[in-house]
């Protein structure tokens, strides 16, 4: 299993844990694990594209996809608005 697959596997584990927390009304933990799952999924994509992801900002990680693969970025660019703190 390569590094990207490991990151993605961990992201799935975090998402599963988030669902368990949500179903048990542990909302702050569900939010945290959802963020972690998203971050790790995007980092897996960066690594798959030979990038070197750094940091915890989903917005930054999404934006940096432009430099790795513009076509893939186009599929995710609408998520940038959702990742902004309002």
Protein backbone atom coordinates (compact mmCIF):
# COMPACT_ATOMS: atom_id res chain seq x y z
CA UNK A 1 0.00 0.00 0.00
CA UNK A 2 1.48 3.36 -0.98
CA UNK A 3 1.37 6.58 1.05
CA UNK A 4 -1.68 7.98 -0.76
CA UNK A 5 -3.63 4.81 -0.05
CA UNK A 6 -2.65 4.96 3.63
CA UNK A 7 -3.86 8.55 3.90
CA UNK A 8 -7.12 7.63 2.18
CA UNK A 9 -7.64 4.59 4.41
CA UNK A 10 -7.18 6.78 7.49
CA UNK A 11 -9.61 9.32 6.02
CA UNK A 12 -12.25 6.59 5.67
CA UNK A 13 -11.63 5.52 9.27
CA UNK A 14 -12.10 9.11 10.44
CA UNK A 15 -15.32 9.42 8.41
CA UNK A 16 -16.65 6.19 9.93
CA UNK A 17 -15.80 7.45 13.41
CA UNK A 18 -17.52 10.77 12.60
CA UNK A 19 -20.69 8.93 11.65
CA UNK A 20 -20.60 7.01 14.94
CA UNK A 21 -20.15 10.26 16.87
CA UNK A 22 -23.00 11.90 14.94
CA UNK A 23 -25.32 8.97 15.63
CA UNK A 24 -24.48 9.32 19.33
CA UNK A 25 -25.10 13.08 19.33
CA UNK A 26 -21.43 13.89 19.93
CA UNK A 27 -21.56 16.79 17.50
CA UNK A 28 -18.26 18.52 18.21
CA UNK A 29 -16.38 15.23 17.78
CA UNK A 30 -18.34 14.47 14.61
CA UNK A 31 -17.35 17.86 13.18
CA UNK A 32 -13.71 17.44 14.11
CA UNK A 33 -13.47 13.95 12.59
CA UNK A 34 -15.29 15.11 9.45
CA UNK A 35 -12.71 17.88 9.02
CA UNK A 36 -9.91 15.38 9.58
CA UNK A 37 -11.38 13.01 7.00
CA UNK A 38 -11.64 15.79 4.43
CA UNK A 39 -8.11 17.02 5.08
CA UNK A 40 -6.63 13.53 4.82
CA UNK A 41 -8.57 12.78 1.62
CA UNK A 42 -7.22 15.90 -0.05
CA UNK A 43 -3.71 15.11 1.19
CA UNK A 44 -4.04 11.61 -0.31
CA UNK A 45 -4.87 13.22 -3.65
CA UNK A 46 -1.87 15.56 -3.35
CA UNK A 47 0.44 12.63 -2.66
CA UNK A 48 -1.08 10.63 -5.53
CA UNK A 49 -0.26 13.59 -7.80
CA UNK A 50 3.31 13.70 -6.44
CA UNK A 51 2.60 16.76 -4.34
CA UNK A 52 3.90 17.47 -0.86
CA UNK A 53 0.89 18.61 1.18
CA UNK A 54 1.56 20.62 4.28
CA UNK A 55 -0.78 22.22 6.77
CA UNK A 56 -4.30 21.71 7.96
CA UNK A 57 -6.27 24.27 5.96
CA UNK A 58 -8.71 22.54 3.63
CA UNK A 59 -9.02 25.77 1.66
CA UNK A 60 -5.25 25.97 1.17
CA UNK A 61 -4.98 22.31 0.19
CA UNK A 62 -7.81 22.67 -2.34
CA UNK A 63 -6.26 25.80 -3.81
CA UNK A 64 -2.87 24.09 -4.18
CA UNK A 65 -4.44 21.41 -6.38
CA UNK A 66 -4.32 24.01 -9.20
CA UNK A 67 -0.55 23.68 -9.34
CA UNK A 68 -0.63 19.88 -9.36
CA UNK A 69 -3.39 19.14 -11.85
CA UNK A 70 -5.67 21.87 -13.20
CA UNK A 71 -8.18 19.37 -14.58
CA UNK A 72 -8.62 17.69 -11.20
CA UNK A 73 -8.75 21.09 -9.49
CA UNK A 74 -11.66 22.07 -11.76
CA UNK A 75 -13.66 19.19 -10.23
CA UNK A 76 -13.04 20.51 -6.71
CA UNK A 77 -12.98 24.29 -7.13
CA UNK A 78 -16.62 24.71 -6.11
CA UNK A 79 -15.72 23.30 -2.70
CA UNK A 80 -13.42 26.24 -1.98
CA UNK A 81 -16.38 28.46 -1.06
CA UNK A 82 -17.68 25.76 1.30
CA UNK A 83 -14.28 25.57 3.00
CA UNK A 84 -14.23 29.27 3.86
CA UNK A 85 -14.98 30.30 7.44
CA UNK A 86 -17.82 32.76 7.49
